Amino acid sequence: MDIIPVPAFRDNYIWLVHDGRHALVVDPGDATVVRQALDHLGLQLGAILVTHHHPDHVGGLAQLLAHAEVPVFGPAGESIEGVTEPVREGDEIRIAAPATAFRVLDVPGHTAGHVAYVAMDIEPGLVFCGDTLFSAGCGRLFEGTPAQLAASLAKLAALPSTTRVYCTHEYTLSNLAFARAAEPDNPERDAYALACEALRARGEPTLPSTMGRERAINPFLRCDRPSVAGSVAKQVGRALHDPVDCLAALRAWKDGF
């Protein structure tokens, strides 16, 4: 099984999973680039996964479905035209072509019904996490609460260290710049930043990351660490009550960074 990024808009990645004949597409915000990729690789669309309702993730659904009647899996808690298979936490979905399977996690915060898809039969493991988790960052709180986002991030962080993290935006360098402010002393983060800068200089994506790396360098997964909480408390000028309070203040800080 091969997984390739299809760049869209300014910084989106639409993920395309294929076996050489059939393709699974994740978060197709732009149908044109997806169809171009399918045609270029000689692939037939077999299924679509959707993580949440934002237009840059679902905008291409209607056009793709006009050319191929395929199952579309998406969050049961959000109203998305074109979704034929609503999914929620604990569901296991099996796709015929390409032959693969995923289990579903509810990861609200960025949106109210956001879901993630954890591969059940692709090694090493992987997760399509949409906009809940980014490399060195996380999604904005548009519809959920800090407590919801904290629980969602903890759920993702509990995946095995080797789990590959396929998020949907090339935000890594800007996230790392903020991470330096949020946790000034993190040598592993600094080494990762150098590697990512080299990738981007060659025009290559920084993704996927891994969950082990994110636990080591992503400040939003480290709100229980004094190295992060101390920086946040200094920034907001008050004591923090707990890791959720830290996450809320960290996210607000990042929003204006």
Protein backbone atom coordinates (compact mmCIF):
# COMPACT_ATOMS: atom_id res chain seq x y z
CA MET A 1 0.00 0.00 0.00
CA ASP A 2 1.41 3.38 -1.00
CA ILE A 3 0.44 6.71 0.58
CA ILE A 4 1.11 9.95 -1.25
CA PRO A 5 0.23 13.59 -0.55
CA VAL A 6 -1.77 15.51 -3.13
CA PRO A 7 -1.11 19.22 -2.52
CA ALA A 8 -4.17 21.48 -2.63
CA PHE A 9 -4.91 25.16 -2.03
CA ARG A 10 -2.06 26.91 -0.24
CA ASP A 11 -0.97 24.32 2.31
CA ASN A 12 -3.43 21.39 2.34
CA TYR A 13 -2.53 17.76 1.77
CA ILE A 14 -5.17 15.39 0.44
CA TRP A 15 -3.89 11.89 1.24
CA LEU A 16 -4.19 9.20 -1.40
CA VAL A 17 -3.78 5.56 -0.34
CA HIS A 18 -3.45 3.10 -3.20
CA ASP A 19 -2.50 -0.47 -4.10
CA GLY A 20 -1.55 0.28 -7.70
CA ARG A 21 -5.12 -0.15 -8.98
CA HIS A 22 -7.57 1.41 -6.53
CA ALA A 23 -7.29 4.48 -4.32
CA LEU A 24 -8.70 5.68 -1.02
CA VAL A 25 -8.79 9.47 -0.72
CA VAL A 26 -8.75 11.31 2.61
CA ASP A 27 -10.33 14.78 2.99
CA PRO A 28 -10.76 15.74 -0.69
CA GLY A 29 -11.21 19.49 -0.51
CA ASP A 30 -10.38 19.90 -4.21
CA ALA A 31 -11.69 17.37 -6.73
CA THR A 32 -9.58 18.64 -9.62
CA VAL A 33 -6.21 17.79 -8.09
CA VAL A 34 -7.52 14.42 -6.91
CA ARG A 35 -8.75 13.47 -10.38
CA GLN A 36 -5.47 14.63 -11.90
CA ALA A 37 -3.54 12.41 -9.47
CA LEU A 38 -5.81 9.43 -10.14
CA ASP A 39 -5.46 9.85 -13.88
CA HIS A 40 -1.69 10.32 -13.68
CA LEU A 41 -1.25 7.14 -11.64
CA GLY A 42 -3.90 5.14 -13.52
CA LEU A 43 -5.98 4.57 -10.38
CA GLN A 44 -9.68 4.01 -9.83
CA LEU A 45 -11.31 5.75 -6.88
CA GLY A 46 -12.56 3.15 -4.40
CA ALA A 47 -13.58 5.06 -1.24
CA ILE A 48 -13.32 8.38 0.59
CA LEU A 49 -12.62 9.20 4.24
CA VAL A 50 -13.66 12.56 5.72
CA THR A 51 -12.47 13.80 9.12
CA HIS A 52 -14.63 16.95 9.51
CA HIS A 53 -16.92 19.35 7.70
CA HIS A 54 -14.68 22.30 6.77
CA PRO A 55 -14.80 23.19 3.06
CA ASP A 56 -11.10 22.57 2.45
CA HIS A 57 -11.74 18.95 3.46
CA VAL A 58 -15.09 18.25 1.77
CA GLY A 59 -15.29 20.75 -1.10
CA GLY A 60 -14.47 18.17 -3.75
CA LEU A 61 -16.96 15.52 -2.67
CA ALA A 62 -19.79 16.40 -5.06
CA GLN A 63 -17.56 16.49 -8.14
CA LEU A 64 -15.80 13.25 -7.25
CA LEU A 65 -19.09 11.47 -6.59
CA ALA A 66 -20.43 12.68 -9.92
CA HIS A 67 -17.75 10.57 -11.59
CA ALA A 68 -17.61 7.59 -9.21
CA GLU A 69 -20.24 6.15 -6.88
CA VAL A 70 -18.10 5.10 -3.92
CA PRO A 71 -18.63 4.85 -0.17
CA VAL A 72 -17.89 8.05 1.75
CA PHE A 73 -17.12 7.64 5.45
CA GLY A 74 -17.51 10.71 7.64
CA PRO A 75 -18.35 11.86 11.17
CA ALA A 76 -21.82 10.96 12.36
CA GLY A 77 -21.88 14.09 14.51
CA GLU A 78 -21.61 16.50 11.57
CA SER A 79 -23.92 17.16 8.63
CA ILE A 80 -21.85 16.62 5.48
CA GLU A 81 -23.57 16.23 2.13
CA GLY A 82 -22.22 13.21 0.32
CA VAL A 83 -21.34 11.09 3.37
CA THR A 84 -22.94 7.68 2.91
CA GLU A 85 -21.39 5.90 5.92
CA PRO A 86 -21.61 7.93 9.15
CA VAL A 87 -19.00 6.79 11.68
CA ARG A 88 -18.24 7.35 15.34
CA GLU A 89 -15.89 6.22 18.10
CA GLY A 90 -15.39 2.44 18.15
CA ASP A 91 -16.59 1.77 14.62
CA GLU A 92 -14.41 -0.46 12.46
CA ILE A 93 -14.68 0.12 8.75
CA ARG A 94 -13.51 -2.21 6.00
CA ILE A 95 -12.86 -0.95 2.51
CA ALA A 96 -12.92 -3.38 -0.40
CA ALA A 97 -10.70 -1.52 -2.87
CA PRO A 98 -8.02 -0.85 -1.87
CA ALA A 99 -8.41 -3.59 0.73
CA THR A 100 -7.84 -1.90 4.06
CA ALA A 101 -9.51 -1.30 7.41
CA PHE A 102 -9.66 1.46 10.01
CA ARG A 103 -11.01 2.03 13.48
CA VAL A 104 -12.59 5.36 14.28
CA LEU A 105 -11.75 7.76 17.11
CA ASP A 106 -13.89 10.72 18.12
CA VAL A 107 -11.52 13.68 18.43
CA PRO A 108 -13.65 16.83 18.89
CA GLY A 109 -12.26 20.28 19.59
CA HIS A 110 -11.36 21.77 16.23
CA THR A 111 -14.93 20.93 15.19
CA ALA A 112 -17.71 19.38 17.24
CA GLY A 113 -17.79 16.02 15.48
CA HIS A 114 -14.23 15.60 14.20
CA VAL A 115 -13.06 11.99 13.80
CA ALA A 116 -9.73 10.29 13.12
CA TYR A 117 -9.02 7.01 11.36
CA VAL A 118 -6.45 4.54 12.72
CA ALA A 119 -5.27 1.88 10.27
CA MET A 120 -5.87 -1.67 11.45
CA ASP A 121 -3.85 -3.57 8.85
CA ILE A 122 -1.10 -1.26 7.56
CA GLU A 123 2.32 -1.55 9.19
CA PRO A 124 3.82 0.47 10.73
CA GLY A 125 0.60 1.94 12.05
CA LEU A 126 -0.85 5.24 10.93
CA VAL A 127 -3.57 7.72 11.78
CA PHE A 128 -5.37 10.20 9.56
CA CYS A 129 -6.09 12.91 12.12
CA GLY A 130 -7.36 15.79 9.97
CA ASP A 131 -6.93 19.12 11.75
CA THR A 132 -6.97 17.90 15.36
CA LEU A 133 -3.23 17.26 15.56
CA PHE A 134 -0.49 18.83 13.45
CA SER A 135 3.21 18.22 13.60
CA ALA A 136 4.38 20.42 16.50
CA GLY A 137 0.87 21.89 16.79
CA CYS A 138 -2.86 21.33 16.94
CA GLY A 139 -6.00 22.75 15.34
CA ARG A 140 -7.74 25.90 16.45
CA LEU A 141 -10.71 25.61 18.78
CA PHE A 142 -13.55 26.56 16.44
CA GLU A 143 -16.40 24.53 17.93
CA GLY A 144 -15.14 22.53 20.90
CA THR A 145 -13.84 23.25 24.39
CA PRO A 146 -10.27 23.08 25.73
CA ALA A 147 -11.27 20.02 27.76
CA GLN A 148 -12.54 18.28 24.63
CA LEU A 149 -9.38 19.12 22.71
CA ALA A 150 -7.20 17.95 25.60
CA ALA A 151 -9.04 14.62 25.69
CA SER A 152 -8.75 14.25 21.92
CA LEU A 153 -5.03 14.98 21.91
CA ALA A 154 -4.50 12.54 24.78
CA LYS A 155 -6.36 9.87 22.83
CA LEU A 156 -4.11 10.38 19.82
CA ALA A 157 -0.95 10.60 21.95
CA ALA A 158 -1.80 7.19 23.44
CA LEU A 159 -1.26 5.52 20.05
CA PRO A 160 2.01 3.57 19.68
CA SER A 161 5.16 5.62 19.18
CA THR A 162 5.70 4.24 15.67
CA THR A 163 2.25 5.39 14.50
CA ARG A 164 2.69 7.65 11.48
CA VAL A 165 0.77 10.90 11.80
CA TYR A 166 -0.92 12.07 8.60
CA CYS A 167 -2.41 15.49 9.25
CA THR A 168 -3.73 17.73 6.50
CA HIS A 169 -1.74 20.97 6.50
CA GLU A 170 1.90 21.86 5.94
CA TYR A 171 2.12 23.97 9.07
CA THR A 172 5.20 22.31 10.54
CA LEU A 173 7.77 25.10 10.26
CA SER A 174 5.44 27.77 11.65
CA ASN A 175 4.38 25.41 14.43
CA LEU A 176 8.02 24.75 15.30
CA ALA A 177 8.69 28.49 15.51
CA PHE A 178 5.95 28.73 18.11
CA ALA A 179 7.14 25.59 19.87
CA ARG A 180 10.51 27.30 20.47
CA ALA A 181 8.71 30.05 22.37
CA ALA A 182 6.47 27.62 24.27
CA GLU A 183 9.35 25.35 25.31
CA PRO A 184 12.69 27.07 24.71
CA ASP A 185 14.91 24.17 25.79
CA ASN A 186 14.09 21.09 23.72
CA PRO A 187 17.08 19.72 21.77
CA GLU A 188 15.05 17.00 20.02
CA ARG A 189 12.64 19.65 18.74
CA ASP A 190 15.55 21.75 17.46
CA ALA A 191 17.07 18.79 15.60
CA TYR A 192 13.66 18.03 14.08
CA ALA A 193 13.32 21.67 12.99
CA LEU A 194 16.62 21.47 11.10
CA ALA A 195 15.46 18.30 9.33
CA CYS A 196 12.12 19.89 8.41
CA GLU A 197 13.80 23.03 7.09
CA ALA A 198 15.94 20.85 4.81
CA LEU A 199 12.86 18.99 3.54
CA ARG A 200 11.00 22.19 2.73
CA ALA A 201 14.09 23.65 1.02
CA ARG A 202 13.90 20.65 -1.34
CA GLY A 203 10.17 21.15 -1.84
CA GLU A 204 9.33 17.97 0.08
CA PRO A 205 6.60 17.56 2.72
CA THR A 206 7.48 17.35 6.39
CA LEU A 207 4.74 14.74 6.86
CA PRO A 208 4.07 12.16 8.05
CA SER A 209 5.47 12.62 11.52
CA THR A 210 5.32 9.89 14.16
CA MET A 211 3.48 9.86 17.45
CA GLY A 212 6.68 9.25 19.37
CA ARG A 213 8.25 12.34 17.85
CA GLU A 214 5.15 14.43 18.53
CA ARG A 215 5.12 13.42 22.19
CA ALA A 216 8.72 14.62 22.40
CA ILE A 217 8.46 17.94 20.52
CA ASN A 218 4.83 19.08 20.32
CA PRO A 219 4.02 21.55 23.14
CA PHE A 220 0.30 20.80 22.87
CA LEU A 221 1.03 17.21 23.90
CA ARG A 222 3.31 18.39 26.72
CA CYS A 223 1.06 20.64 28.79
CA ASP A 224 1.77 18.45 31.83
CA ARG A 225 5.50 19.25 31.57
CA PRO A 226 6.94 22.05 33.72
CA SER A 227 9.04 23.15 30.73
CA VAL A 228 5.86 24.05 28.85
CA ALA A 229 3.60 25.06 31.74
CA GLY A 230 6.25 27.45 33.07
CA SER A 231 6.52 29.28 29.74
CA VAL A 232 2.75 29.50 29.42
CA ALA A 233 2.29 30.79 32.96
CA LYS A 234 4.92 33.45 32.34
CA GLN A 235 3.20 34.44 29.09
CA VAL A 236 -0.27 34.80 30.64
CA GLY A 237 0.99 36.24 33.93
CA ARG A 238 -0.81 33.88 36.26
CA ALA A 239 -0.63 30.43 37.78
CA LEU A 240 -2.15 27.59 35.77
CA HIS A 241 -4.69 25.28 37.40
CA ASP A 242 -4.03 22.08 35.46
CA PRO A 243 -2.94 20.78 32.01
CA VAL A 244 -6.31 21.70 30.45
CA ASP A 245 -5.90 25.29 31.65
CA CYS A 246 -2.39 25.21 30.20
CA LEU A 247 -3.66 23.90 26.87
CA ALA A 248 -6.35 26.60 26.68
CA ALA A 249 -3.81 29.34 27.38
CA LEU A 250 -1.27 27.78 24.99
CA ARG A 251 -3.84 27.60 22.18
CA ALA A 252 -4.86 31.24 22.76
CA TRP A 253 -1.19 32.24 22.72
CA LYS A 254 -0.68 30.41 19.43
CA ASP A 255 -3.76 32.07 17.91
CA GLY A 256 -2.06 35.45 18.26
CA PHE A 257 1.52 34.37 17.71
